[in-house]
C-alpha atoms as a PDB file:
ATOM      1  CA  MET A   1     -96.120  28.250 104.130  1.00  0.00           C
ATOM      2  CA  ILE A   2     -99.727  27.812 103.089  1.00  0.00           C
ATOM      3  CA  CYS A   3    -100.962  26.689  99.666  1.00  0.00           C
ATOM      4  CA  LEU A   4    -104.427  27.166  98.223  1.00  0.00           C
ATOM      5  CA  GLY A   5    -105.213  24.667  95.469  1.00  0.00           C
ATOM      6  CA  ILE A   6    -108.005  24.756  92.908  1.00  0.00           C
ATOM      7  CA  GLU A   7    -109.458  21.638  91.259  1.00  0.00           C
ATOM      8  CA  SER A   8    -111.640  22.065  88.151  1.00  0.00           C
ATOM      9  CA  THR A   9    -110.840  19.225  85.764  1.00  0.00           C
ATOM     10  CA  ALA A  10    -114.457  18.100  85.232  1.00  0.00           C
ATOM     11  CA  HIS A  11    -117.581  18.286  87.397  1.00  0.00           C
ATOM     12  CA  THR A  12    -116.081  19.673  90.606  1.00  0.00           C
ATOM     13  CA  PHE A  13    -114.806  23.093  91.622  1.00  0.00           C
ATOM     14  CA  GLY A  14    -112.749  22.235  94.684  1.00  0.00           C
ATOM     15  CA  VAL A  15    -110.629  24.477  96.885  1.00  0.00           C
ATOM     16  CA  GLY A  16    -108.177  23.020  99.358  1.00  0.00           C
ATOM     17  CA  ILE A  17    -105.798  24.730 101.761  1.00  0.00           C
ATOM     18  CA  VAL A  18    -102.792  22.926 103.255  1.00  0.00           C
ATOM     19  CA  ASN A  19     -99.651  23.915 105.112  1.00  0.00           C
ATOM     20  CA  SER A  20     -96.081  22.710 104.622  1.00  0.00           C
ATOM     21  CA  LYS A  21     -96.531  20.062 107.348  1.00  0.00           C
ATOM     22  CA  GLY A  22     -99.238  18.329 105.320  1.00  0.00           C
ATOM     23  CA  GLN A  23    -102.078  19.496 107.530  1.00  0.00           C
ATOM     24  CA  ILE A  24    -105.312  19.956 105.576  1.00  0.00           C
ATOM     25  CA  LEU A  25    -106.888  23.191 106.765  1.00  0.00           C
ATOM     26  CA  ALA A  26    -109.838  23.228 104.360  1.00  0.00           C
ATOM     27  CA  ASN A  27    -111.300  21.115 101.587  1.00  0.00           C
ATOM     28  CA  GLU A  28    -114.456  22.665 100.133  1.00  0.00           C
ATOM     29  CA  LYS A  29    -116.202  21.963  96.828  1.00  0.00           C
ATOM     30  CA  ALA A  30    -119.254  22.341  94.609  1.00  0.00           C
ATOM     31  CA  THR A  31    -120.119  19.470  92.265  1.00  0.00           C
ATOM     32  CA  PHE A  32    -122.140  19.551  89.052  1.00  0.00           C
ATOM     33  CA  ARG A  33    -124.857  16.881  88.842  1.00  0.00           C
ATOM     34  CA  SER A  34    -127.436  15.873  86.265  1.00  0.00           C
ATOM     35  CA  GLU A  35    -130.567  13.770  86.723  1.00  0.00           C
ATOM     36  CA  ARG A  36    -130.640  12.344  83.200  1.00  0.00           C
ATOM     37  CA  ALA A  37    -127.382  13.171  81.410  1.00  0.00           C
ATOM     38  CA  GLY A  38    -123.639  13.043  81.896  1.00  0.00           C
ATOM     39  CA  ILE A  39    -121.160  15.915  81.819  1.00  0.00           C
ATOM     40  CA  LYS A  40    -121.596  18.474  79.057  1.00  0.00           C
ATOM     41  CA  PRO A  41    -118.355  20.498  79.266  1.00  0.00           C
ATOM     42  CA  GLN A  42    -119.954  23.886  78.628  1.00  0.00           C
ATOM     43  CA  GLU A  43    -122.721  23.314  81.183  1.00  0.00           C
ATOM     44  CA  ALA A  44    -120.248  22.024  83.744  1.00  0.00           C
ATOM     45  CA  SER A  45    -117.861  24.952  83.205  1.00  0.00           C
ATOM     46  CA  GLN A  46    -120.705  27.447  83.666  1.00  0.00           C
ATOM     47  CA  PHE A  47    -121.615  25.719  86.932  1.00  0.00           C
ATOM     48  CA  LEU A  48    -117.983  25.938  88.077  1.00  0.00           C
ATOM     49  CA  MET A  49    -117.781  29.644  87.226  1.00  0.00           C
ATOM     50  CA  LYS A  50    -120.962  30.403  89.156  1.00  0.00           C
ATOM     51  CA  ASN A  51    -119.675  28.611  92.253  1.00  0.00           C
ATOM     52  CA  ALA A  52    -115.967  29.515  92.179  1.00  0.00           C
ATOM     53  CA  GLN A  53    -116.021  32.591  94.398  1.00  0.00           C
ATOM     54  CA  THR A  54    -118.348  31.003  96.951  1.00  0.00           C
ATOM     55  CA  VAL A  55    -116.185  27.883  97.306  1.00  0.00           C
ATOM     56  CA  ILE A  56    -113.002  29.949  97.673  1.00  0.00           C
ATOM     57  CA  GLU A  57    -114.645  32.027 100.395  1.00  0.00           C
ATOM     58  CA  ARG A  58    -115.908  28.895 102.181  1.00  0.00           C
ATOM     59  CA  ALA A  59    -112.431  27.374 102.179  1.00  0.00           C
ATOM     60  CA  LEU A  60    -110.825  30.503 103.614  1.00  0.00           C
ATOM     61  CA  LYS A  61    -113.505  30.696 106.300  1.00  0.00           C
ATOM     62  CA  CYS A  62    -113.046  27.022 107.175  1.00  0.00           C
ATOM     63  CA  ALA A  63    -109.280  27.522 107.511  1.00  0.00           C
ATOM     64  CA  ASN A  64    -109.819  30.786 109.438  1.00  0.00           C
ATOM     65  CA  LEU A  65    -107.535  32.587 106.995  1.00  0.00           C
ATOM     66  CA  LYS A  66    -107.577  35.641 104.756  1.00  0.00           C
ATOM     67  CA  ILE A  67    -106.556  35.498 101.105  1.00  0.00           C
ATOM     68  CA  THR A  68    -103.471  37.532 102.028  1.00  0.00           C
ATOM     69  CA  ASP A  69    -102.340  34.666 104.307  1.00  0.00           C
ATOM     70  CA  ILE A  70    -101.878  32.371 101.310  1.00  0.00           C
ATOM     71  CA  SER A  71     -98.240  31.822 100.253  1.00  0.00           C
ATOM     72  CA  ILE A  72     -98.765  29.795  97.059  1.00  0.00           C
ATOM     73  CA  PHE A  73    -101.602  29.274  94.598  1.00  0.00           C
ATOM     74  CA  ALA A  74    -101.904  25.969  92.709  1.00  0.00           C
ATOM     75  CA  PHE A  75    -104.357  24.679  90.122  1.00  0.00           C
ATOM     76  CA  ALA A  76    -104.994  21.509  88.127  1.00  0.00           C
ATOM     77  CA  GLN A  77    -103.369  22.049  84.722  1.00  0.00           C
ATOM     78  CA  GLY A  78    -104.690  18.773  83.305  1.00  0.00           C
ATOM     79  CA  PRO A  79    -105.759  16.275  82.203  1.00  0.00           C
ATOM     80  CA  GLY A  80    -109.433  17.137  82.003  1.00  0.00           C
ATOM     81  CA  LEU A  81    -112.164  18.930  80.105  1.00  0.00           C
ATOM     82  CA  GLY A  82    -110.860  22.107  78.471  1.00  0.00           C
ATOM     83  CA  PRO A  83    -113.666  24.526  79.430  1.00  0.00           C
ATOM     84  CA  CYS A  84    -113.615  23.287  83.034  1.00  0.00           C
ATOM     85  CA  LEU A  85    -109.830  23.411  83.340  1.00  0.00           C
ATOM     86  CA  LYS A  86    -109.843  27.034  82.174  1.00  0.00           C
ATOM     87  CA  VAL A  87    -112.138  28.068  85.029  1.00  0.00           C
ATOM     88  CA  GLY A  88    -109.689  26.924  87.709  1.00  0.00           C
ATOM     89  CA  ALA A  89    -106.655  28.159  85.800  1.00  0.00           C
ATOM     90  CA  THR A  90    -108.153  31.628  85.377  1.00  0.00           C
ATOM     91  CA  ALA A  91    -109.118  31.858  89.040  1.00  0.00           C
ATOM     92  CA  ALA A  92    -105.662  30.758  90.250  1.00  0.00           C
ATOM     93  CA  ARG A  93    -103.785  33.028  87.841  1.00  0.00           C
ATOM     94  CA  THR A  94    -105.902  36.008  88.861  1.00  0.00           C
ATOM     95  CA  LEU A  95    -105.314  35.415  92.566  1.00  0.00           C
ATOM     96  CA  ALA A  96    -101.571  34.868  92.098  1.00  0.00           C
ATOM     97  CA  LEU A  97    -101.172  38.036  90.020  1.00  0.00           C
ATOM     98  CA  ILE A  98    -103.289  40.242  92.294  1.00  0.00           C
ATOM     99  CA  HIS A  99    -101.458  39.121  95.433  1.00  0.00           C
ATOM    100  CA  ASN A 100     -98.029  38.700  93.781  1.00  0.00           C
ATOM    101  CA  LYS A 101     -97.616  35.104  94.949  1.00  0.00           C
ATOM    102  CA  PRO A 102     -96.118  32.020  93.226  1.00  0.00           C
ATOM    103  CA  LEU A 103     -98.378  30.076  90.874  1.00  0.00           C
ATOM    104  CA  VAL A 104     -97.955  26.293  90.540  1.00  0.00           C
ATOM    105  CA  PRO A 105     -99.835  24.303  87.862  1.00  0.00           C
ATOM    106  CA  VAL A 106    -100.017  20.604  88.797  1.00  0.00           C
ATOM    107  CA  ASN A 107    -100.866  17.241  87.297  1.00  0.00           C
ATOM    108  CA  HIS A 108    -104.331  16.111  88.426  1.00  0.00           C
ATOM    109  CA  CYS A 109    -103.355  12.416  88.259  1.00  0.00           C
ATOM    110  CA  VAL A 110    -100.218  12.851  90.380  1.00  0.00           C
ATOM    111  CA  ALA A 111    -102.279  14.872  92.873  1.00  0.00           C
ATOM    112  CA  HIS A 112    -104.639  11.912  93.415  1.00  0.00           C
ATOM    113  CA  ILE A 113    -101.649   9.728  94.258  1.00  0.00           C
ATOM    114  CA  GLU A 114     -99.905  12.186  96.554  1.00  0.00           C
ATOM    115  CA  ILE A 115    -102.995  12.986  98.636  1.00  0.00           C
ATOM    116  CA  GLY A 116    -103.564   9.244  98.899  1.00  0.00           C
ATOM    117  CA  LYS A 117    -100.039   8.666 100.172  1.00  0.00           C
ATOM    118  CA  LEU A 118    -100.265  11.603 102.569  1.00  0.00           C
ATOM    119  CA  THR A 119    -103.545  10.535 104.167  1.00  0.00           C
ATOM    120  CA  THR A 120    -103.028   6.747 104.228  1.00  0.00           C
ATOM    121  CA  HIS A 121     -99.270   6.710 104.905  1.00  0.00           C
ATOM    122  CA  ALA A 122     -98.631   4.259 102.058  1.00  0.00           C
ATOM    123  CA  LYS A 123     -94.906   4.311 101.281  1.00  0.00           C
ATOM    124  CA  ASP A 124     -94.137   2.698  97.927  1.00  0.00           C
ATOM    125  CA  PRO A 125     -97.352   1.258  96.491  1.00  0.00           C
ATOM    126  CA  VAL A 126     -98.610  -0.008  93.189  1.00  0.00           C
ATOM    127  CA  VAL A 127    -101.295   2.587  92.484  1.00  0.00           C
ATOM    128  CA  VAL A 128    -104.686   1.707  91.024  1.00  0.00           C
ATOM    129  CA  TYR A 129    -106.013   4.977  89.638  1.00  0.00           C
ATOM    130  CA  VAL A 130    -109.642   4.721  88.520  1.00  0.00           C
ATOM    131  CA  SER A 131    -111.776   7.738  87.724  1.00  0.00           C
ATOM    132  CA  GLY A 132    -114.093   8.964  84.988  1.00  0.00           C
ATOM    133  CA  GLY A 133    -111.456   9.480  82.321  1.00  0.00           C
ATOM    134  CA  ASN A 134    -108.570   7.464  83.774  1.00  0.00           C
ATOM    135  CA  THR A 135    -107.898   3.809  84.472  1.00  0.00           C
ATOM    136  CA  GLN A 136    -104.227   3.112  85.114  1.00  0.00           C
ATOM    137  CA  ILE A 137    -101.919   0.847  87.119  1.00  0.00           C
ATOM    138  CA  ILE A 138     -98.992   2.985  88.233  1.00  0.00           C
ATOM    139  CA  ALA A 139     -95.791   2.742  90.270  1.00  0.00           C
ATOM    140  CA  LEU A 140     -92.965   5.158  90.996  1.00  0.00           C
ATOM    141  CA  GLU A 141     -89.739   4.364  89.128  1.00  0.00           C
ATOM    142  CA  GLY A 142     -86.871   6.795  89.661  1.00  0.00           C
ATOM    143  CA  GLU A 143     -88.318  10.300  89.526  1.00  0.00           C
ATOM    144  CA  ARG A 144     -91.377   9.504  87.388  1.00  0.00           C
ATOM    145  CA  TYR A 145     -94.622   7.648  87.860  1.00  0.00           C
ATOM    146  CA  ARG A 146     -94.629   4.810  85.352  1.00  0.00           C
ATOM    147  CA  VAL A 147     -97.817   3.397  83.858  1.00  0.00           C
ATOM    148  CA  PHE A 148     -97.653  -0.403  83.904  1.00  0.00           C
ATOM    149  CA  GLY A 149    -101.114  -0.879  82.421  1.00  0.00           C
ATOM    150  CA  GLU A 150    -104.121   1.195  81.408  1.00  0.00           C
ATOM    151  CA  THR A 151    -107.398   1.240  79.534  1.00  0.00           C
ATOM    152  CA  LEU A 152    -107.080   1.019  75.771  1.00  0.00           C
ATOM    153  CA  ASP A 153    -110.405   2.763  75.159  1.00  0.00           C
ATOM    154  CA  ILE A 154    -112.552   4.413  77.843  1.00  0.00           C
ATOM    155  CA  GLY A 155    -112.049   5.093  81.536  1.00  0.00           C
ATOM    156  CA  LEU A 156    -113.841   2.812  83.971  1.00  0.00           C
ATOM    157  CA  GLY A 157    -115.807   5.662  85.528  1.00  0.00           C
ATOM    158  CA  ASN A 158    -117.011   6.912  82.146  1.00  0.00           C
ATOM    159  CA  MET A 159    -118.083   3.395  81.225  1.00  0.00           C
ATOM    160  CA  LEU A 160    -120.123   3.077  84.411  1.00  0.00           C
ATOM    161  CA  ASP A 161    -121.755   6.486  83.954  1.00  0.00           C
ATOM    162  CA  SER A 162    -122.579   5.772  80.296  1.00  0.00           C
ATOM    163  CA  PHE A 163    -124.136   2.436  81.197  1.00  0.00           C
ATOM    164  CA  GLY A 164    -126.020   4.091  84.047  1.00  0.00           C
ATOM    165  CA  ARG A 165    -127.551   6.583  81.619  1.00  0.00           C
ATOM    166  CA  LYS A 166    -128.838   3.683  79.520  1.00  0.00           C
ATOM    167  CA  LEU A 167    -130.556   2.377  82.648  1.00  0.00           C
ATOM    168  CA  GLY A 168    -132.104   5.787  83.250  1.00  0.00           C
ATOM    169  CA  LEU A 169    -129.913   6.663  86.220  1.00  0.00           C
ATOM    170  CA  GLY A 170    -128.649  10.189  86.848  1.00  0.00           C
ATOM    171  CA  PHE A 171    -125.051  11.435  86.975  1.00  0.00           C
ATOM    172  CA  PRO A 172    -122.947  10.220  88.647  1.00  0.00           C
ATOM    173  CA  ALA A 173    -124.273   6.686  88.223  1.00  0.00           C
ATOM    174  CA  GLY A 174    -121.385   4.851  89.908  1.00  0.00           C
ATOM    175  CA  PRO A 175    -122.710   4.957  93.504  1.00  0.00           C
ATOM    176  CA  MET A 176    -126.139   3.693  92.420  1.00  0.00           C
ATOM    177  CA  LEU A 177    -124.634   0.892  90.335  1.00  0.00           C
ATOM    178  CA  ASP A 178    -122.469  -0.110  93.292  1.00  0.00           C
ATOM    179  CA  GLU A 179    -125.577  -0.550  95.448  1.00  0.00           C
ATOM    180  CA  MET A 180    -127.290  -2.577  92.717  1.00  0.00           C
ATOM    181  CA  TYR A 181    -124.214  -4.831  92.436  1.00  0.00           C
ATOM    182  CA  PHE A 182    -124.960  -6.341  95.833  1.00  0.00           C
ATOM    183  CA  GLU A 183    -128.557  -7.025  94.793  1.00  0.00           C
ATOM    184  CA  GLY A 184    -127.510  -9.172  91.825  1.00  0.00           C
ATOM    185  CA  LYS A 185    -128.159 -12.883  92.152  1.00  0.00           C
ATOM    186  CA  GLN A 186    -127.145 -14.388  88.826  1.00  0.00           C
ATOM    187  CA  TYR A 187    -124.006 -13.880  86.727  1.00  0.00           C
ATOM    188  CA  ILE A 188    -124.583 -13.166  83.028  1.00  0.00           C
ATOM    189  CA  GLU A 189    -121.698 -13.951  80.720  1.00  0.00           C
ATOM    190  CA  LEU A 190    -120.153 -10.784  79.267  1.00  0.00           C
ATOM    191  CA  PRO A 191    -116.839  -9.925  77.524  1.00  0.00           C
ATOM    192  CA  TYR A 192    -113.673  -9.949  79.616  1.00  0.00           C
ATOM    193  CA  THR A 193    -110.841  -8.103  77.871  1.00  0.00           C
ATOM    194  CA  VAL A 194    -107.330  -8.088  79.331  1.00  0.00           C
ATOM    195  CA  LYS A 195    -104.244  -7.722  77.145  1.00  0.00           C
ATOM    196  CA  GLY A 196    -101.146  -8.181  79.285  1.00  0.00           C
ATOM    197  CA  THR A 197    -101.541  -5.381  81.811  1.00  0.00           C
ATOM    198  CA  ASP A 198    -103.896  -3.320  79.649  1.00  0.00           C
ATOM    199  CA  LEU A 199    -107.695  -3.451  79.631  1.00  0.00           C
ATOM    200  CA  ALA A 200    -110.595  -2.533  77.368  1.00  0.00           C
ATOM    201  CA  PHE A 201    -114.127  -1.733  78.525  1.00  0.00           C
ATOM    202  CA  ALA A 202    -116.026  -0.706  75.377  1.00  0.00           C
ATOM    203  CA  GLY A 203    -116.939  -4.250  74.343  1.00  0.00           C
ATOM    204  CA  LEU A 204    -118.131  -5.061  77.857  1.00  0.00           C
ATOM    205  CA  GLN A 205    -120.308  -1.956  77.922  1.00  0.00           C
ATOM    206  CA  THR A 206    -121.810  -2.594  74.481  1.00  0.00           C
ATOM    207  CA  ALA A 207    -122.656  -6.207  75.276  1.00  0.00           C
ATOM    208  CA  ALA A 208    -124.291  -5.252  78.568  1.00  0.00           C
ATOM    209  CA  GLU A 209    -126.344  -2.471  76.967  1.00  0.00           C
ATOM    210  CA  LYS A 210    -127.762  -4.923  74.417  1.00  0.00           C
ATOM    211  CA  LEU A 211    -129.195  -6.944  77.302  1.00  0.00           C
ATOM    212  CA  ILE A 212    -131.050  -4.059  78.944  1.00  0.00           C
ATOM    213  CA  GLY A 213    -134.712  -5.025  79.119  1.00  0.00           C
ATOM    214  CA  LYS A 214    -133.863  -8.677  78.441  1.00  0.00           C
ATOM    215  CA  ALA A 215    -132.308  -9.501  81.814  1.00  0.00           C
ATOM    216  CA  ARG A 216    -132.960  -8.518  85.409  1.00  0.00           C
ATOM    217  CA  LYS A 217    -131.166  -5.183  85.748  1.00  0.00           C
ATOM    218  CA  GLU A 218    -129.580  -6.023  89.110  1.00  0.00           C
ATOM    219  CA  ASP A 219    -128.064  -9.180  87.598  1.00  0.00           C
ATOM    220  CA  LEU A 220    -126.848  -7.205  84.605  1.00  0.00           C
ATOM    221  CA  VAL A 221    -125.218  -4.574  86.816  1.00  0.00           C
ATOM    222  CA  TYR A 222    -123.643  -7.277  88.962  1.00  0.00           C
ATOM    223  CA  SER A 223    -122.181  -8.998  85.894  1.00  0.00           C
ATOM    224  CA  LEU A 224    -120.903  -5.766  84.350  1.00  0.00           C
ATOM    225  CA  LEU A 225    -119.173  -4.608  87.513  1.00  0.00           C
ATOM    226  CA  HIS A 226    -117.896  -8.081  88.322  1.00  0.00           C
ATOM    227  CA  ASN A 227    -116.092  -8.357  84.984  1.00  0.00           C
ATOM    228  CA  ALA A 228    -114.794  -4.791  85.007  1.00  0.00           C
ATOM    229  CA  PHE A 229    -113.433  -5.045  88.553  1.00  0.00           C
ATOM    230  CA  ALA A 230    -112.042  -8.552  88.033  1.00  0.00           C
ATOM    231  CA  MET A 231    -110.153  -7.300  84.975  1.00  0.00           C
ATOM    232  CA  LEU A 232    -108.722  -4.448  87.025  1.00  0.00           C
ATOM    233  CA  THR A 233    -107.794  -6.772  89.883  1.00  0.00           C
ATOM    234  CA  GLU A 234    -106.036  -9.165  87.509  1.00  0.00           C
ATOM    235  CA  VAL A 235    -103.761  -6.514  86.023  1.00  0.00           C
ATOM    236  CA  THR A 236    -103.093  -5.066  89.491  1.00  0.00           C
ATOM    237  CA  GLU A 237    -101.943  -8.473  90.718  1.00  0.00           C
ATOM    238  CA  ARG A 238     -99.709  -8.794  87.670  1.00  0.00           C
ATOM    239  CA  ALA A 239     -98.111  -5.411  88.420  1.00  0.00           C
ATOM    240  CA  LEU A 240     -97.628  -6.392  92.076  1.00  0.00           C
ATOM    241  CA  ALA A 241     -95.822  -9.545  91.033  1.00  0.00           C
ATOM    242  CA  TYR A 242     -93.651  -7.689  88.526  1.00  0.00           C
ATOM    243  CA  THR A 243     -92.637  -4.864  90.866  1.00  0.00           C
ATOM    244  CA  GLU A 244     -92.376  -7.109  93.956  1.00  0.00           C
ATOM    245  CA  ARG A 245     -94.131  -4.477  96.051  1.00  0.00           C
ATOM    246  CA  GLU A 246     -96.241  -5.088  99.112  1.00  0.00           C
ATOM    247  CA  GLU A 247     -98.704  -2.188  98.984  1.00  0.00           C
ATOM    248  CA  VAL A 248    -101.624  -1.236  96.758  1.00  0.00           C
ATOM    249  CA  LEU A 249    -103.060   2.281  96.850  1.00  0.00           C
ATOM    250  CA  LEU A 250    -106.522   2.727  95.332  1.00  0.00           C
ATOM    251  CA  VAL A 251    -107.285   6.313  94.252  1.00  0.00           C
ATOM    252  CA  GLY A 252    -109.753   8.214  92.067  1.00  0.00           C
ATOM    253  CA  GLY A 253    -113.514   8.550  92.138  1.00  0.00           C
ATOM    254  CA  VAL A 254    -114.207   4.857  91.448  1.00  0.00           C
ATOM    255  CA  ALA A 255    -112.135   4.023  94.546  1.00  0.00           C
ATOM    256  CA  SER A 256    -115.362   4.793  96.426  1.00  0.00           C
ATOM    257  CA  SER A 257    -116.829   1.502  95.162  1.00  0.00           C
ATOM    258  CA  LYS A 258    -117.347  -1.032  97.939  1.00  0.00           C
ATOM    259  CA  ALA A 259    -117.475  -3.828  95.356  1.00  0.00           C
ATOM    260  CA  LEU A 260    -114.075  -2.883  93.913  1.00  0.00           C
ATOM    261  CA  ARG A 261    -112.499  -2.511  97.338  1.00  0.00           C
ATOM    262  CA  THR A 262    -113.760  -5.941  98.365  1.00  0.00           C
ATOM    263  CA  MET A 263    -112.253  -7.593  95.293  1.00  0.00           C
ATOM    264  CA  LEU A 264    -108.881  -5.865  95.682  1.00  0.00           C
ATOM    265  CA  GLU A 265    -108.790  -6.641  99.418  1.00  0.00           C
ATOM    266  CA  ARG A 266    -109.240 -10.339  98.686  1.00  0.00           C
ATOM    267  CA  MET A 267    -106.433 -10.311  96.125  1.00  0.00           C
ATOM    268  CA  CYS A 268    -104.079  -8.373  98.411  1.00  0.00           C
ATOM    269  CA  LYS A 269    -104.738 -10.751 101.294  1.00  0.00           C
ATOM    270  CA  GLU A 270    -103.838 -13.728  99.095  1.00  0.00           C
ATOM    271  CA  ARG A 271    -100.564 -12.018  98.086  1.00  0.00           C
ATOM    272  CA  ASN A 272     -99.705 -10.803 101.611  1.00  0.00           C
ATOM    273  CA  ALA A 273     -99.978  -7.216 100.416  1.00  0.00           C
ATOM    274  CA  LYS A 274    -101.763  -4.311 102.114  1.00  0.00           C
ATOM    275  CA  LEU A 275    -104.515  -2.278 100.473  1.00  0.00           C
ATOM    276  CA  PHE A 276    -104.707   1.450 101.224  1.00  0.00           C
ATOM    277  CA  VAL A 277    -107.791   3.539 100.352  1.00  0.00           C
ATOM    278  CA  PRO A 278    -108.120   7.250 101.222  1.00  0.00           C
ATOM    279  CA  LYS A 279    -111.207   8.638 102.918  1.00  0.00           C
ATOM    280  CA  GLN A 280    -114.111   9.321 100.582  1.00  0.00           C
ATOM    281  CA  GLU A 281    -113.439  13.078 100.349  1.00  0.00           C
ATOM    282  CA  PHE A 282    -109.949  12.360  99.015  1.00  0.00           C
ATOM    283  CA  CYS A 283    -111.039   9.641  96.564  1.00  0.00           C
ATOM    284  CA  VAL A 284    -113.228  12.022  94.584  1.00  0.00           C
ATOM    285  CA  ASP A 285    -111.848  15.153  92.916  1.00  0.00           C
ATOM    286  CA  ASN A 286    -110.915  17.694  95.580  1.00  0.00           C
ATOM    287  CA  GLY A 287    -108.916  20.850  96.106  1.00  0.00           C
ATOM    288  CA  ALA A 288    -106.763  19.511  98.946  1.00  0.00           C
ATOM    289  CA  MET A 289    -104.928  17.178  96.589  1.00  0.00           C
ATOM    290  CA  ILE A 290    -104.080  20.091  94.282  1.00  0.00           C
ATOM    291  CA  ALA A 291    -102.910  22.219  97.194  1.00  0.00           C
ATOM    292  CA  TRP A 292    -100.712  19.425  98.598  1.00  0.00           C
ATOM    293  CA  LEU A 293     -99.034  18.702  95.259  1.00  0.00           C
ATOM    294  CA  GLY A 294     -98.559  22.438  94.715  1.00  0.00           C
ATOM    295  CA  MET A 295     -96.825  22.601  98.093  1.00  0.00           C
ATOM    296  CA  LEU A 296     -94.592  19.630  97.262  1.00  0.00           C
ATOM    297  CA  GLU A 297     -93.556  21.042  93.902  1.00  0.00           C
ATOM    298  CA  HIS A 298     -92.906  24.548  95.229  1.00  0.00           C
ATOM    299  CA  THR A 299     -90.837  23.390  98.202  1.00  0.00           C
ATOM    300  CA  HIS A 300     -88.739  21.192  95.898  1.00  0.00           C
ATOM    301  CA  GLY A 301     -87.850  24.011  93.572  1.00  0.00           C
ATOM    302  CA  ILE A 302     -90.197  23.330  90.692  1.00  0.00           C
ATOM    303  CA  SER A 303     -90.987  26.657  89.060  1.00  0.00           C
ATOM    304  CA  ILE A 304     -92.886  27.321  85.825  1.00  0.00           C
ATOM    305  CA  PRO A 305     -93.049  30.694  84.027  1.00  0.00           C
ATOM    306  CA  LEU A 306     -96.515  32.220  83.863  1.00  0.00           C
ATOM    307  CA  GLU A 307     -96.606  31.943  80.070  1.00  0.00           C
ATOM    308  CA  GLU A 308     -96.232  28.150  80.368  1.00  0.00           C
ATOM    309  CA  THR A 309     -99.163  27.665  82.731  1.00  0.00           C
ATOM    310  CA  GLY A 310    -101.812  27.073  80.085  1.00  0.00           C
ATOM    311  CA  VAL A 311    -104.178  24.149  80.559  1.00  0.00           C
ATOM    312  CA  ARG A 312    -103.252  20.766  79.063  1.00  0.00           C
ATOM    313  CA  GLN A 313    -106.251  18.531  78.422  1.00  0.00           C
ATOM    314  CA  LYS A 314    -104.165  15.451  77.624  1.00  0.00           C
ATOM    315  CA  LEU A 315    -101.397  15.818  80.188  1.00  0.00           C
ATOM    316  CA  ARG A 316     -99.872  12.413  80.988  1.00  0.00           C
ATOM    317  CA  ILE A 317     -98.777  11.319  84.425  1.00  0.00           C
ATOM    318  CA  GLU A 318     -95.296  10.386  83.145  1.00  0.00           C
ATOM    319  CA  GLU A 319     -94.635  14.008  82.193  1.00  0.00           C
ATOM    320  CA  THR A 320     -94.372  15.169  85.821  1.00  0.00           C
ATOM    321  CA  GLU A 321     -90.993  14.998  87.507  1.00  0.00           C
ATOM    322  CA  VAL A 322     -91.231  13.652  91.064  1.00  0.00           C
ATOM    323  CA  LYS A 323     -88.432  15.300  93.051  1.00  0.00           C
ATOM    324  CA  TRP A 324     -89.895  14.737  96.510  1.00  0.00           C
ATOM    325  CA  SER A 325     -89.919  10.914  96.603  1.00  0.00           C
END
């Protein structure tokens, strides 16, 4: 069997194609960018619509397949930005109906985890999921992913992009901030907010923004990222101790950060745990992760009527039943 998956939760229209053995046959995408602003949902959705057909065609060409070779169509049902989610949902529904093939809506958050496990071979990790809208510490309990800790206000990625805009950086700002982190020479005291295994970033962001123009920007970026990543590392260590697990899997767009990886690696080494990080193309939003989760759900008998495949902007990770663990 072959599954074509469509990712369109925010800035990326991604199309992945995988087979039932977990082989990734294609993973193509088009990503919305802005030089001065963040994501405006309507602008991003228009970009996704304009690029949808081209990306689908590129993926099929890369996999050396025809659309009629596809056995299953999957799409990201949520969470995400409504206008963007609807682009992928409409494309997947149309293809499934035209070709009379099964349609599988999947949870974007679970997809990040499953592609991470597939490509890194992590078995039973504590998952650190950090992206634009999500910051969660997760582990599998029974047949559900359980959230042990999460942000109480904004996602780490959104915080970094918002701060980057204040510095005059384009979108996404995360990669540029990560480079500036290693140019910082002096720590500036900023808020550090951890409540048990939960975190809050808004106060940290506000305090740092008030210092723009008053402190060397590289030092300010270093201090902001240092606190944010240290907070995340602290709650990850707490979850490791509680669950008594020996693996940490870092997923999501912010997993690309060298600074964050370095901090988590140090913590894992001290706890005799192993850190797993997917390749860059599987850290960021991508279609392969949607295709792989669609394959897992279909082959384990998860079926959803067409009328229940509407997008869900606030879909939680705990809502997805994990029958394949």
